[in-house]
Amino acid sequence: MYLTLEEYKELSDVIKDDKEIEKMLKKSERYIDILTYNRIKSIGFEKCSEFEQEIIKEVQSELIDFIYLNKDMINSYLNSYSINGVSIDLTSINPNIITINGIALLKSSYDKLNLTRFTSLIL
């Protein structure tokens, strides 16, 4: 596990319920594994540098908060909406939100994860 319940609580106060935090810890860890092509798992989190561990924990906390606060929008089946001549394209609402390998997250979080060696397609 990259981030513990206690570490999450130190980094954020968005989610109060411990069971919900535990659920989100597992989900976000899987998402980080997808974003890093399972490279963290393959070498072992404990073998990452202190800097990389810190970045991964920060990104996981940010990812948990983003997913939790935007779950309705992320899980929506709608791509666009139109009523009375006014329409909105839900896929381009915010340029600060990106989708990488099917995972929606803040661009700043992904940029931070890029500071590690694990997101590059080429090693």
PDB file of N, CA and C in Angstrom:
ATOM      1  N   MET A   1       0.846  -1.183   0.000  1.00  0.00           N
ATOM      2  CA  MET A   1       0.000   0.000   0.000  1.00  0.00           C
ATOM      3  C   MET A   1       0.885   1.237   0.000  1.00  0.00           C
ATOM      4  N   TYR A   2       0.541   2.174  -0.872  1.00  0.00           N
ATOM      5  CA  TYR A   2       1.352   3.379  -0.996  1.00  0.00           C
ATOM      6  C   TYR A   2       1.047   4.378   0.123  1.00  0.00           C
ATOM      7  N   LEU A   3      -0.211   4.613   0.351  1.00  0.00           N
ATOM      8  CA  LEU A   3      -0.652   5.615   1.316  1.00  0.00           C
ATOM      9  C   LEU A   3      -1.490   4.929   2.391  1.00  0.00           C
ATOM     10  N   THR A   4      -1.218   5.227   3.643  1.00  0.00           N
ATOM     11  CA  THR A   4      -2.005   4.636   4.734  1.00  0.00           C
ATOM     12  C   THR A   4      -3.171   5.548   5.086  1.00  0.00           C
ATOM     13  N   LEU A   5      -4.090   5.014   5.829  1.00  0.00           N
ATOM     14  CA  LEU A   5      -5.250   5.775   6.300  1.00  0.00           C
ATOM     15  C   LEU A   5      -4.800   7.009   7.081  1.00  0.00           C
ATOM     16  N   GLU A   6      -3.839   6.829   7.959  1.00  0.00           N
ATOM     17  CA  GLU A   6      -3.349   7.934   8.784  1.00  0.00           C
ATOM     18  C   GLU A   6      -2.663   9.004   7.934  1.00  0.00           C
ATOM     19  N   GLU A   7      -1.883   8.563   6.952  1.00  0.00           N
ATOM     20  CA  GLU A   7      -1.206   9.519   6.071  1.00  0.00           C
ATOM     21  C   GLU A   7      -2.216  10.311   5.252  1.00  0.00           C
ATOM     22  N   TYR A   8      -3.267   9.627   4.782  1.00  0.00           N
ATOM     23  CA  TYR A   8      -4.304  10.337   4.033  1.00  0.00           C
ATOM     24  C   TYR A   8      -4.944  11.401   4.907  1.00  0.00           C
ATOM     25  N   LYS A   9      -5.256  11.056   6.135  1.00  0.00           N
ATOM     26  CA  LYS A   9      -5.897  12.005   7.046  1.00  0.00           C
ATOM     27  C   LYS A   9      -5.000  13.205   7.339  1.00  0.00           C
ATOM     28  N   GLU A  10      -3.693  13.003   7.295  1.00  0.00           N
ATOM     29  CA  GLU A  10      -2.762  14.125   7.478  1.00  0.00           C
ATOM     30  C   GLU A  10      -2.735  15.032   6.250  1.00  0.00           C
ATOM     31  N   LEU A  11      -2.889  14.440   5.074  1.00  0.00           N
ATOM     32  CA  LEU A  11      -2.813  15.194   3.828  1.00  0.00           C
ATOM     33  C   LEU A  11      -4.137  15.850   3.437  1.00  0.00           C
ATOM     34  N   SER A  12      -5.253  15.278   3.868  1.00  0.00           N
ATOM     35  CA  SER A  12      -6.551  15.767   3.424  1.00  0.00           C
ATOM     36  C   SER A  12      -7.613  15.536   4.491  1.00  0.00           C
ATOM     37  N   ASP A  13      -8.650  16.352   4.417  1.00  0.00           N
ATOM     38  CA  ASP A  13      -9.789  16.160   5.313  1.00  0.00           C
ATOM     39  C   ASP A  13     -11.103  16.125   4.535  1.00  0.00           C
ATOM     40  N   VAL A  14     -11.019  15.754   3.270  1.00  0.00           N
ATOM     41  CA  VAL A  14     -12.206  15.718   2.418  1.00  0.00           C
ATOM     42  C   VAL A  14     -13.150  14.595   2.828  1.00  0.00           C
ATOM     43  N   ILE A  15     -12.628  13.401   3.045  1.00  0.00           N
ATOM     44  CA  ILE A  15     -13.459  12.250   3.413  1.00  0.00           C
ATOM     45  C   ILE A  15     -13.279  12.004   4.908  1.00  0.00           C
ATOM     46  N   LYS A  16     -14.376  11.867   5.610  1.00  0.00           N
ATOM     47  CA  LYS A  16     -14.330  11.670   7.064  1.00  0.00           C
ATOM     48  C   LYS A  16     -14.463  10.205   7.476  1.00  0.00           C
ATOM     49  N   ASP A  17     -15.228   9.426   6.705  1.00  0.00           N
ATOM     50  CA  ASP A  17     -15.529   8.039   7.052  1.00  0.00           C
ATOM     51  C   ASP A  17     -14.351   7.118   6.722  1.00  0.00           C
ATOM     52  N   ASP A  18     -13.843   6.399   7.733  1.00  0.00           N
ATOM     53  CA  ASP A  18     -12.686   5.521   7.545  1.00  0.00           C
ATOM     54  C   ASP A  18     -12.940   4.422   6.520  1.00  0.00           C
ATOM     55  N   LYS A  19     -14.156   3.855   6.497  1.00  0.00           N
ATOM     56  CA  LYS A  19     -14.469   2.803   5.522  1.00  0.00           C
ATOM     57  C   LYS A  19     -14.419   3.342   4.100  1.00  0.00           C
ATOM     58  N   GLU A  20     -14.925   4.546   3.921  1.00  0.00           N
ATOM     59  CA  GLU A  20     -14.890   5.168   2.591  1.00  0.00           C
ATOM     60  C   GLU A  20     -13.451   5.476   2.193  1.00  0.00           C
ATOM     61  N   ILE A  21     -12.643   5.934   3.144  1.00  0.00           N
ATOM     62  CA  ILE A  21     -11.231   6.205   2.858  1.00  0.00           C
ATOM     63  C   ILE A  21     -10.532   4.923   2.433  1.00  0.00           C
ATOM     64  N   GLU A  22     -10.751   3.832   3.160  1.00  0.00           N
ATOM     65  CA  GLU A  22     -10.123   2.545   2.827  1.00  0.00           C
ATOM     66  C   GLU A  22     -10.504   2.105   1.423  1.00  0.00           C
ATOM     67  N   LYS A  23     -11.774   2.262   1.079  1.00  0.00           N
ATOM     68  CA  LYS A  23     -12.246   1.902  -0.263  1.00  0.00           C
ATOM     69  C   LYS A  23     -11.544   2.756  -1.322  1.00  0.00           C
ATOM     70  N   MET A  24     -11.429   4.030  -1.052  1.00  0.00           N
ATOM     71  CA  MET A  24     -10.794   4.940  -2.002  1.00  0.00           C
ATOM     72  C   MET A  24      -9.279   4.719  -2.074  1.00  0.00           C
ATOM     73  N   LEU A  25      -8.665   4.307  -0.983  1.00  0.00           N
ATOM     74  CA  LEU A  25      -7.234   3.989  -1.000  1.00  0.00           C
ATOM     75  C   LEU A  25      -6.954   2.853  -1.972  1.00  0.00           C
ATOM     76  N   LYS A  26      -7.774   1.804  -1.924  1.00  0.00           N
ATOM     77  CA  LYS A  26      -7.592   0.666  -2.832  1.00  0.00           C
ATOM     78  C   LYS A  26      -7.825   1.071  -4.284  1.00  0.00           C
ATOM     79  N   LYS A  27      -8.911   1.802  -4.519  1.00  0.00           N
ATOM     80  CA  LYS A  27      -9.254   2.213  -5.877  1.00  0.00           C
ATOM     81  C   LYS A  27      -8.167   3.117  -6.459  1.00  0.00           C
ATOM     82  N   SER A  28      -7.727   4.093  -5.687  1.00  0.00           N
ATOM     83  CA  SER A  28      -6.723   5.037  -6.195  1.00  0.00           C
ATOM     84  C   SER A  28      -5.366   4.365  -6.399  1.00  0.00           C
ATOM     85  N   GLU A  29      -5.044   3.372  -5.569  1.00  0.00           N
ATOM     86  CA  GLU A  29      -3.786   2.646  -5.763  1.00  0.00           C
ATOM     87  C   GLU A  29      -3.816   1.885  -7.088  1.00  0.00           C
ATOM     88  N   ARG A  30      -4.946   1.294  -7.398  1.00  0.00           N
ATOM     89  CA  ARG A  30      -5.076   0.602  -8.689  1.00  0.00           C
ATOM     90  C   ARG A  30      -4.947   1.589  -9.844  1.00  0.00           C
ATOM     91  N   TYR A  31      -5.526   2.766  -9.676  1.00  0.00           N
ATOM     92  CA  TYR A  31      -5.426   3.788 -10.713  1.00  0.00           C
ATOM     93  C   TYR A  31      -3.975   4.227 -10.907  1.00  0.00           C
ATOM     94  N   ILE A  32      -3.253   4.403  -9.812  1.00  0.00           N
ATOM     95  CA  ILE A  32      -1.838   4.771  -9.925  1.00  0.00           C
ATOM     96  C   ILE A  32      -1.065   3.656 -10.616  1.00  0.00           C
ATOM     97  N   ASP A  33      -1.394   2.412 -10.309  1.00  0.00           N
ATOM     98  CA  ASP A  33      -0.742   1.283 -10.987  1.00  0.00           C
ATOM     99  C   ASP A  33      -1.002   1.335 -12.494  1.00  0.00           C
ATOM    100  N   ILE A  34      -2.209   1.690 -12.885  1.00  0.00           N
ATOM    101  CA  ILE A  34      -2.527   1.812 -14.308  1.00  0.00           C
ATOM    102  C   ILE A  34      -1.740   2.961 -14.928  1.00  0.00           C
ATOM    103  N   LEU A  35      -1.694   4.092 -14.252  1.00  0.00           N
ATOM    104  CA  LEU A  35      -0.989   5.276 -14.768  1.00  0.00           C
ATOM    105  C   LEU A  35       0.517   5.063 -14.858  1.00  0.00           C
ATOM    106  N   THR A  36       1.044   4.157 -14.031  1.00  0.00           N
ATOM    107  CA  THR A  36       2.493   3.914 -14.009  1.00  0.00           C
ATOM    108  C   THR A  36       2.852   2.563 -14.623  1.00  0.00           C
ATOM    109  N   TYR A  37       1.903   1.938 -15.293  1.00  0.00           N
ATOM    110  CA  TYR A  37       2.135   0.670 -15.989  1.00  0.00           C
ATOM    111  C   TYR A  37       2.667  -0.414 -15.033  1.00  0.00           C
ATOM    112  N   ASN A  38       2.181  -0.405 -13.813  1.00  0.00           N
ATOM    113  CA  ASN A  38       2.553  -1.381 -12.766  1.00  0.00           C
ATOM    114  C   ASN A  38       4.039  -1.378 -12.423  1.00  0.00           C
ATOM    115  N   ARG A  39       4.733  -0.339 -12.776  1.00  0.00           N
ATOM    116  CA  ARG A  39       6.171  -0.295 -12.506  1.00  0.00           C
ATOM    117  C   ARG A  39       6.487  -0.168 -11.026  1.00  0.00           C
ATOM    118  N   ILE A  40       5.656   0.540 -10.289  1.00  0.00           N
ATOM    119  CA  ILE A  40       5.883   0.676  -8.844  1.00  0.00           C
ATOM    120  C   ILE A  40       5.738  -0.690  -8.180  1.00  0.00           C
ATOM    121  N   LYS A  41       4.695  -1.410  -8.545  1.00  0.00           N
ATOM    122  CA  LYS A  41       4.476  -2.749  -7.989  1.00  0.00           C
ATOM    123  C   LYS A  41       5.617  -3.694  -8.352  1.00  0.00           C
ATOM    124  N   SER A  42       6.107  -3.587  -9.585  1.00  0.00           N
ATOM    125  CA  SER A  42       7.124  -4.534 -10.039  1.00  0.00           C
ATOM    126  C   SER A  42       8.467  -4.340  -9.337  1.00  0.00           C
ATOM    127  N   ILE A  43       8.825  -3.101  -9.002  1.00  0.00           N
ATOM    128  CA  ILE A  43      10.102  -2.908  -8.300  1.00  0.00           C
ATOM    129  C   ILE A  43       9.929  -2.877  -6.788  1.00  0.00           C
ATOM    130  N   GLY A  44       8.709  -2.606  -6.329  1.00  0.00           N
ATOM    131  CA  GLY A  44       8.436  -2.506  -4.903  1.00  0.00           C
ATOM    132  C   GLY A  44       8.467  -1.057  -4.446  1.00  0.00           C
ATOM    133  N   PHE A  45       7.407  -0.627  -3.802  1.00  0.00           N
ATOM    134  CA  PHE A  45       7.284   0.757  -3.347  1.00  0.00           C
ATOM    135  C   PHE A  45       8.432   1.148  -2.426  1.00  0.00           C
ATOM    136  N   GLU A  46       8.858   0.212  -1.587  1.00  0.00           N
ATOM    137  CA  GLU A  46       9.938   0.493  -0.624  1.00  0.00           C
ATOM    138  C   GLU A  46      11.279   0.745  -1.322  1.00  0.00           C
ATOM    139  N   LYS A  47      11.416   0.306  -2.573  1.00  0.00           N
ATOM    140  CA  LYS A  47      12.655   0.531  -3.320  1.00  0.00           C
ATOM    141  C   LYS A  47      12.653   1.856  -4.088  1.00  0.00           C
ATOM    142  N   CYS A  48      11.520   2.548  -4.073  1.00  0.00           N
ATOM    143  CA  CYS A  48      11.459   3.873  -4.688  1.00  0.00           C
ATOM    144  C   CYS A  48      12.231   4.853  -3.811  1.00  0.00           C
ATOM    145  N   SER A  49      12.749   5.894  -4.431  1.00  0.00           N
ATOM    146  CA  SER A  49      13.452   6.917  -3.654  1.00  0.00           C
ATOM    147  C   SER A  49      12.459   7.612  -2.714  1.00  0.00           C
ATOM    148  N   GLU A  50      12.986   8.271  -1.717  1.00  0.00           N
ATOM    149  CA  GLU A  50      12.140   9.003  -0.771  1.00  0.00           C
ATOM    150  C   GLU A  50      11.313  10.058  -1.508  1.00  0.00           C
ATOM    151  N   PHE A  51      11.934  10.724  -2.474  1.00  0.00           N
ATOM    152  CA  PHE A  51      11.237  11.717  -3.289  1.00  0.00           C
ATOM    153  C   PHE A  51      10.074  11.075  -4.047  1.00  0.00           C
ATOM    154  N   GLU A  52      10.333   9.936  -4.704  1.00  0.00           N
ATOM    155  CA  GLU A  52       9.279   9.255  -5.458  1.00  0.00           C
ATOM    156  C   GLU A  52       8.149   8.807  -4.546  1.00  0.00           C
ATOM    157  N   GLN A  53       8.473   8.274  -3.382  1.00  0.00           N
ATOM    158  CA  GLN A  53       7.446   7.853  -2.434  1.00  0.00           C
ATOM    159  C   GLN A  53       6.571   9.036  -2.013  1.00  0.00           C
ATOM    160  N   GLU A  54       7.200  10.160  -1.752  1.00  0.00           N
ATOM    161  CA  GLU A  54       6.463  11.360  -1.350  1.00  0.00           C
ATOM    162  C   GLU A  54       5.529  11.821  -2.466  1.00  0.00           C
ATOM    163  N   ILE A  55       6.034  11.832  -3.696  1.00  0.00           N
ATOM    164  CA  ILE A  55       5.217  12.242  -4.850  1.00  0.00           C
ATOM    165  C   ILE A  55       4.036  11.291  -5.030  1.00  0.00           C
ATOM    166  N   ILE A  56       4.284   9.999  -4.961  1.00  0.00           N
ATOM    167  CA  ILE A  56       3.229   9.000  -5.157  1.00  0.00           C
ATOM    168  C   ILE A  56       2.150   9.163  -4.090  1.00  0.00           C
ATOM    169  N   LYS A  57       2.539   9.394  -2.858  1.00  0.00           N
ATOM    170  CA  LYS A  57       1.563   9.584  -1.779  1.00  0.00           C
ATOM    171  C   LYS A  57       0.751  10.856  -1.979  1.00  0.00           C
ATOM    172  N   GLU A  58       1.394  11.941  -2.379  1.00  0.00           N
ATOM    173  CA  GLU A  58       0.678  13.193  -2.646  1.00  0.00           C
ATOM    174  C   GLU A  58      -0.330  13.007  -3.773  1.00  0.00           C
ATOM    175  N   VAL A  59       0.117  12.373  -4.851  1.00  0.00           N
ATOM    176  CA  VAL A  59      -0.763  12.160  -5.997  1.00  0.00           C
ATOM    177  C   VAL A  59      -1.926  11.255  -5.616  1.00  0.00           C
ATOM    178  N   GLN A  60      -1.664  10.230  -4.834  1.00  0.00           N
ATOM    179  CA  GLN A  60      -2.750   9.336  -4.419  1.00  0.00           C
ATOM    180  C   GLN A  60      -3.780  10.097  -3.592  1.00  0.00           C
ATOM    181  N   SER A  61      -3.334  10.943  -2.695  1.00  0.00           N
ATOM    182  CA  SER A  61      -4.252  11.740  -1.893  1.00  0.00           C
ATOM    183  C   SER A  61      -5.074  12.683  -2.772  1.00  0.00           C
ATOM    184  N   GLU A  62      -4.421  13.343  -3.716  1.00  0.00           N
ATOM    185  CA  GLU A  62      -5.119  14.237  -4.645  1.00  0.00           C
ATOM    186  C   GLU A  62      -6.113  13.470  -5.504  1.00  0.00           C
ATOM    187  N   LEU A  63      -5.736  12.289  -5.937  1.00  0.00           N
ATOM    188  CA  LEU A  63      -6.602  11.456  -6.764  1.00  0.00           C
ATOM    189  C   LEU A  63      -7.836  11.019  -5.980  1.00  0.00           C
ATOM    190  N   ILE A  64      -7.642  10.629  -4.735  1.00  0.00           N
ATOM    191  CA  ILE A  64      -8.774  10.239  -3.877  1.00  0.00           C
ATOM    192  C   ILE A  64      -9.763  11.396  -3.769  1.00  0.00           C
ATOM    193  N   ASP A  65      -9.262  12.575  -3.459  1.00  0.00           N
ATOM    194  CA  ASP A  65     -10.134  13.735  -3.304  1.00  0.00           C
ATOM    195  C   ASP A  65     -10.847  14.070  -4.608  1.00  0.00           C
ATOM    196  N   PHE A  66     -10.123  14.042  -5.717  1.00  0.00           N
ATOM    197  CA  PHE A  66     -10.713  14.356  -7.020  1.00  0.00           C
ATOM    198  C   PHE A  66     -11.823  13.369  -7.371  1.00  0.00           C
ATOM    199  N   ILE A  67     -11.545  12.090  -7.221  1.00  0.00           N
ATOM    200  CA  ILE A  67     -12.548  11.065  -7.548  1.00  0.00           C
ATOM    201  C   ILE A  67     -13.769  11.205  -6.640  1.00  0.00           C
ATOM    202  N   TYR A  68     -13.538  11.413  -5.364  1.00  0.00           N
ATOM    203  CA  TYR A  68     -14.627  11.514  -4.395  1.00  0.00           C
ATOM    204  C   TYR A  68     -15.501  12.745  -4.666  1.00  0.00           C
ATOM    205  N   LEU A  69     -14.879  13.881  -4.899  1.00  0.00           N
ATOM    206  CA  LEU A  69     -15.628  15.116  -5.092  1.00  0.00           C
ATOM    207  C   LEU A  69     -16.310  15.199  -6.454  1.00  0.00           C
ATOM    208  N   ASN A  70     -15.830  14.428  -7.427  1.00  0.00           N
ATOM    209  CA  ASN A  70     -16.372  14.501  -8.789  1.00  0.00           C
ATOM    210  C   ASN A  70     -16.977  13.191  -9.260  1.00  0.00           C
ATOM    211  N   LYS A  71     -17.325  12.318  -8.340  1.00  0.00           N
ATOM    212  CA  LYS A  71     -17.790  10.981  -8.725  1.00  0.00           C
ATOM    213  C   LYS A  71     -19.025  11.013  -9.617  1.00  0.00           C
ATOM    214  N   ASP A  72     -19.932  11.956  -9.402  1.00  0.00           N
ATOM    215  CA  ASP A  72     -21.129  12.020 -10.241  1.00  0.00           C
ATOM    216  C   ASP A  72     -20.777  12.356 -11.685  1.00  0.00           C
ATOM    217  N   MET A  73     -19.879  13.303 -11.862  1.00  0.00           N
ATOM    218  CA  MET A  73     -19.467  13.705 -13.205  1.00  0.00           C
ATOM    219  C   MET A  73     -18.641  12.603 -13.877  1.00  0.00           C
ATOM    220  N   ILE A  74     -17.730  11.984 -13.124  1.00  0.00           N
ATOM    221  CA  ILE A  74     -16.872  10.938 -13.673  1.00  0.00           C
ATOM    222  C   ILE A  74     -17.692   9.724 -14.104  1.00  0.00           C
ATOM    223  N   ASN A  75     -18.712   9.384 -13.328  1.00  0.00           N
ATOM    224  CA  ASN A  75     -19.521   8.199 -13.607  1.00  0.00           C
ATOM    225  C   ASN A  75     -20.697   8.472 -14.539  1.00  0.00           C
ATOM    226  N   SER A  76     -20.807   9.688 -15.034  1.00  0.00           N
ATOM    227  CA  SER A  76     -21.906  10.047 -15.917  1.00  0.00           C
ATOM    228  C   SER A  76     -21.722   9.414 -17.290  1.00  0.00           C
ATOM    229  N   TYR A  77     -22.826   9.019 -17.871  1.00  0.00           N
ATOM    230  CA  TYR A  77     -22.793   8.465 -19.217  1.00  0.00           C
ATOM    231  C   TYR A  77     -22.926   9.549 -20.285  1.00  0.00           C
ATOM    232  N   LEU A  78     -23.204  10.767 -19.851  1.00  0.00           N
ATOM    233  CA  LEU A  78     -23.408  11.865 -20.787  1.00  0.00           C
ATOM    234  C   LEU A  78     -22.087  12.466 -21.239  1.00  0.00           C
ATOM    235  N   ASN A  79     -21.986  12.733 -22.511  1.00  0.00           N
ATOM    236  CA  ASN A  79     -20.847  13.465 -23.050  1.00  0.00           C
ATOM    237  C   ASN A  79     -21.219  14.910 -23.335  1.00  0.00           C
ATOM    238  N   SER A  80     -22.516  15.125 -23.614  1.00  0.00           N
ATOM    239  CA  SER A  80     -22.986  16.477 -23.874  1.00  0.00           C
ATOM    240  C   SER A  80     -24.451  16.578 -23.468  1.00  0.00           C
ATOM    241  N   TYR A  81     -24.904  17.806 -23.329  1.00  0.00           N
ATOM    242  CA  TYR A  81     -26.258  18.054 -22.868  1.00  0.00           C
ATOM    243  C   TYR A  81     -26.777  19.283 -23.603  1.00  0.00           C
ATOM    244  N   SER A  82     -28.031  19.247 -24.028  1.00  0.00           N
ATOM    245  CA  SER A  82     -28.604  20.371 -24.746  1.00  0.00           C
ATOM    246  C   SER A  82     -30.061  20.546 -24.327  1.00  0.00           C
ATOM    247  N   ILE A  83     -30.443  21.796 -24.086  1.00  0.00           N
ATOM    248  CA  ILE A  83     -31.825  22.102 -23.763  1.00  0.00           C
ATOM    249  C   ILE A  83     -32.131  23.529 -24.211  1.00  0.00           C
ATOM    250  N   ASN A  84     -33.233  23.703 -24.899  1.00  0.00           N
ATOM    251  CA  ASN A  84     -33.677  25.020 -25.363  1.00  0.00           C
ATOM    252  C   ASN A  84     -32.582  25.797 -26.098  1.00  0.00           C
ATOM    253  N   GLY A  85     -31.839  25.128 -26.952  1.00  0.00           N
ATOM    254  CA  GLY A  85     -30.829  25.792 -27.757  1.00  0.00           C
ATOM    255  C   GLY A  85     -29.504  26.045 -27.060  1.00  0.00           C
ATOM    256  N   VAL A  86     -29.399  25.687 -25.794  1.00  0.00           N
ATOM    257  CA  VAL A  86     -28.146  25.853 -25.059  1.00  0.00           C
ATOM    258  C   VAL A  86     -27.556  24.465 -24.849  1.00  0.00           C
ATOM    259  N   SER A  87     -26.292  24.309 -25.203  1.00  0.00           N
ATOM    260  CA  SER A  87     -25.671  22.994 -25.043  1.00  0.00           C
ATOM    261  C   SER A  87     -24.343  23.129 -24.315  1.00  0.00           C
ATOM    262  N   ILE A  88     -23.943  22.025 -23.731  1.00  0.00           N
ATOM    263  CA  ILE A  88     -22.668  21.972 -23.026  1.00  0.00           C
ATOM    264  C   ILE A  88     -22.003  20.648 -23.360  1.00  0.00           C
ATOM    265  N   ASP A  89     -20.732  20.698 -23.644  1.00  0.00           N
ATOM    266  CA  ASP A  89     -19.943  19.500 -23.927  1.00  0.00           C
ATOM    267  C   ASP A  89     -19.195  19.148 -22.649  1.00  0.00           C
ATOM    268  N   LEU A  90     -19.579  18.057 -22.018  1.00  0.00           N
ATOM    269  CA  LEU A  90     -19.014  17.684 -20.721  1.00  0.00           C
ATOM    270  C   LEU A  90     -17.593  17.146 -20.820  1.00  0.00           C
ATOM    271  N   THR A  91     -17.146  16.843 -22.032  1.00  0.00           N
ATOM    272  CA  THR A  91     -15.788  16.313 -22.176  1.00  0.00           C
ATOM    273  C   THR A  91     -14.739  17.408 -22.225  1.00  0.00           C
ATOM    274  N   SER A  92     -15.150  18.639 -22.427  1.00  0.00           N
ATOM    275  CA  SER A  92     -14.169  19.730 -22.513  1.00  0.00           C
ATOM    276  C   SER A  92     -14.491  20.867 -21.546  1.00  0.00           C
ATOM    277  N   ILE A  93     -15.112  20.548 -20.429  1.00  0.00           N
ATOM    278  CA  ILE A  93     -15.476  21.569 -19.454  1.00  0.00           C
ATOM    279  C   ILE A  93     -14.253  22.255 -18.873  1.00  0.00           C
ATOM    280  N   ASN A  94     -13.265  21.495 -18.496  1.00  0.00           N
ATOM    281  CA  ASN A  94     -12.122  22.045 -17.787  1.00  0.00           C
ATOM    282  C   ASN A  94     -10.826  21.513 -18.392  1.00  0.00           C
ATOM    283  N   PRO A  95     -10.001  22.394 -18.916  1.00  0.00           N
ATOM    284  CA  PRO A  95      -8.740  21.925 -19.501  1.00  0.00           C
ATOM    285  C   PRO A  95      -7.748  21.409 -18.453  1.00  0.00           C
ATOM    286  N   ASN A  96      -8.052  21.617 -17.187  1.00  0.00           N
ATOM    287  CA  ASN A  96      -7.172  21.142 -16.118  1.00  0.00           C
ATOM    288  C   ASN A  96      -7.442  19.687 -15.751  1.00  0.00           C
ATOM    289  N   ILE A  97      -8.467  19.095 -16.375  1.00  0.00           N
ATOM    290  CA  ILE A  97      -8.802  17.696 -16.134  1.00  0.00           C
ATOM    291  C   ILE A  97      -8.439  16.910 -17.392  1.00  0.00           C
ATOM    292  N   ILE A  98      -7.694  15.832 -17.216  1.00  0.00           N
ATOM    293  CA  ILE A  98      -7.288  15.002 -18.342  1.00  0.00           C
ATOM    294  C   ILE A  98      -7.706  13.561 -18.081  1.00  0.00           C
ATOM    295  N   THR A  99      -7.720  12.782 -19.134  1.00  0.00           N
ATOM    296  CA  THR A  99      -7.992  11.350 -19.019  1.00  0.00           C
ATOM    297  C   THR A  99      -6.803  10.609 -19.604  1.00  0.00           C
ATOM    298  N   ILE A 100      -6.162   9.809 -18.782  1.00  0.00           N
ATOM    299  CA  ILE A 100      -5.020   8.997 -19.190  1.00  0.00           C
ATOM    300  C   ILE A 100      -5.383   7.536 -18.931  1.00  0.00           C
ATOM    301  N   ASN A 101      -5.294   6.707 -19.956  1.00  0.00           N
ATOM    302  CA  ASN A 101      -5.621   5.282 -19.839  1.00  0.00           C
ATOM    303  C   ASN A 101      -6.981   5.060 -19.179  1.00  0.00           C
ATOM    304  N   GLY A 102      -7.942   5.928 -19.513  1.00  0.00           N
ATOM    305  CA  GLY A 102      -9.297   5.788 -18.995  1.00  0.00           C
ATOM    306  C   GLY A 102      -9.509   6.345 -17.602  1.00  0.00           C
ATOM    307  N   ILE A 103      -8.501   6.989 -17.024  1.00  0.00           N
ATOM    308  CA  ILE A 103      -8.604   7.526 -15.667  1.00  0.00           C
ATOM    309  C   ILE A 103      -8.628   9.046 -15.743  1.00  0.00           C
ATOM    310  N   ALA A 104      -9.708   9.646 -15.235  1.00  0.00           N
ATOM    311  CA  ALA A 104      -9.820  11.099 -15.186  1.00  0.00           C
ATOM    312  C   ALA A 104      -9.118  11.597 -13.925  1.00  0.00           C
ATOM    313  N   LEU A 105      -8.285  12.615 -14.101  1.00  0.00           N
ATOM    314  CA  LEU A 105      -7.591  13.211 -12.966  1.00  0.00           C
ATOM    315  C   LEU A 105      -7.159  14.620 -13.314  1.00  0.00           C
ATOM    316  N   LEU A 106      -6.748  15.358 -12.303  1.00  0.00           N
ATOM    317  CA  LEU A 106      -6.250  16.704 -12.531  1.00  0.00           C
ATOM    318  C   LEU A 106      -4.928  16.642 -13.288  1.00  0.00           C
ATOM    319  N   LYS A 107      -4.769  17.540 -14.231  1.00  0.00           N
ATOM    320  CA  LYS A 107      -3.521  17.593 -14.995  1.00  0.00           C
ATOM    321  C   LYS A 107      -2.343  17.843 -14.066  1.00  0.00           C
ATOM    322  N   SER A 108      -2.539  18.669 -13.055  1.00  0.00           N
ATOM    323  CA  SER A 108      -1.451  18.966 -12.113  1.00  0.00           C
ATOM    324  C   SER A 108      -1.018  17.716 -11.348  1.00  0.00           C
ATOM    325  N   SER A 109      -1.953  16.834 -11.030  1.00  0.00           N
ATOM    326  CA  SER A 109      -1.600  15.587 -10.342  1.00  0.00           C
ATOM    327  C   SER A 109      -0.789  14.683 -11.261  1.00  0.00           C
ATOM    328  N   TYR A 110      -1.211  14.593 -12.525  1.00  0.00           N
ATOM    329  CA  TYR A 110      -0.472  13.753 -13.467  1.00  0.00           C
ATOM    330  C   TYR A 110       0.911  14.331 -13.739  1.00  0.00           C
ATOM    331  N   ASP A 111       0.983  15.647 -13.852  1.00  0.00           N
ATOM    332  CA  ASP A 111       2.284  16.293 -14.049  1.00  0.00           C
ATOM    333  C   ASP A 111       3.216  15.999 -12.873  1.00  0.00           C
ATOM    334  N   LYS A 112       2.657  15.993 -11.683  1.00  0.00           N
ATOM    335  CA  LYS A 112       3.452  15.674 -10.488  1.00  0.00           C
ATOM    336  C   LYS A 112       3.929  14.221 -10.545  1.00  0.00           C
ATOM    337  N   LEU A 113       3.035  13.302 -10.953  1.00  0.00           N
ATOM    338  CA  LEU A 113       3.412  11.897 -11.068  1.00  0.00           C
ATOM    339  C   LEU A 113       4.492  11.710 -12.139  1.00  0.00           C
ATOM    340  N   ASN A 114       4.492  12.577 -13.138  1.00  0.00           N
ATOM    341  CA  ASN A 114       5.524  12.534 -14.181  1.00  0.00           C
ATOM    342  C   ASN A 114       6.914  12.860 -13.637  1.00  0.00           C
ATOM    343  N   LEU A 115       6.996  13.426 -12.454  1.00  0.00           N
ATOM    344  CA  LEU A 115       8.297  13.700 -11.843  1.00  0.00           C
ATOM    345  C   LEU A 115       9.003  12.409 -11.433  1.00  0.00           C
ATOM    346  N   THR A 116       8.247  11.327 -11.354  1.00  0.00           N
ATOM    347  CA  THR A 116       8.839  10.024 -11.073  1.00  0.00           C
ATOM    348  C   THR A 116       9.223   9.383 -12.405  1.00  0.00           C
ATOM    349  N   ARG A 117       9.881   8.263 -12.349  1.00  0.00           N
ATOM    350  CA  ARG A 117      10.327   7.585 -13.581  1.00  0.00           C
ATOM    351  C   ARG A 117       9.306   6.587 -14.105  1.00  0.00           C
ATOM    352  N   PHE A 118       8.113   6.567 -13.536  1.00  0.00           N
ATOM    353  CA  PHE A 118       7.187   5.462 -13.788  1.00  0.00           C
ATOM    354  C   PHE A 118       6.126   5.711 -14.844  1.00  0.00           C
ATOM    355  N   THR A 119       5.953   6.924 -15.331  1.00  0.00           N
ATOM    356  CA  THR A 119       4.866   7.191 -16.269  1.00  0.00           C
ATOM    357  C   THR A 119       5.290   7.172 -17.724  1.00  0.00           C
ATOM    358  N   SER A 120       6.565   7.174 -17.989  1.00  0.00           N
ATOM    359  CA  SER A 120       7.067   7.197 -19.358  1.00  0.00           C
ATOM    360  C   SER A 120       6.797   5.875 -20.061  1.00  0.00           C
ATOM    361  N   LEU A 121       6.411   5.967 -21.315  1.00  0.00           N
ATOM    362  CA  LEU A 121       6.213   4.746 -22.096  1.00  0.00           C
ATOM    363  C   LEU A 121       7.533   4.071 -22.417  1.00  0.00           C
ATOM    364  N   ILE A 122       8.597   4.861 -22.423  1.00  0.00           N
ATOM    365  CA  ILE A 122       9.938   4.345 -22.723  1.00  0.00           C
ATOM    366  C   ILE A 122      10.774   4.413 -21.459  1.00  0.00           C
ATOM    367  N   LEU A 123      11.406   3.300 -21.132  1.00  0.00           N
ATOM    368  CA  LEU A 123      12.300   3.290 -19.960  1.00  0.00           C
ATOM    369  C   LEU A 123      13.738   3.210 -20.386  1.00  0.00           C
TER     370      LEU A 123
END
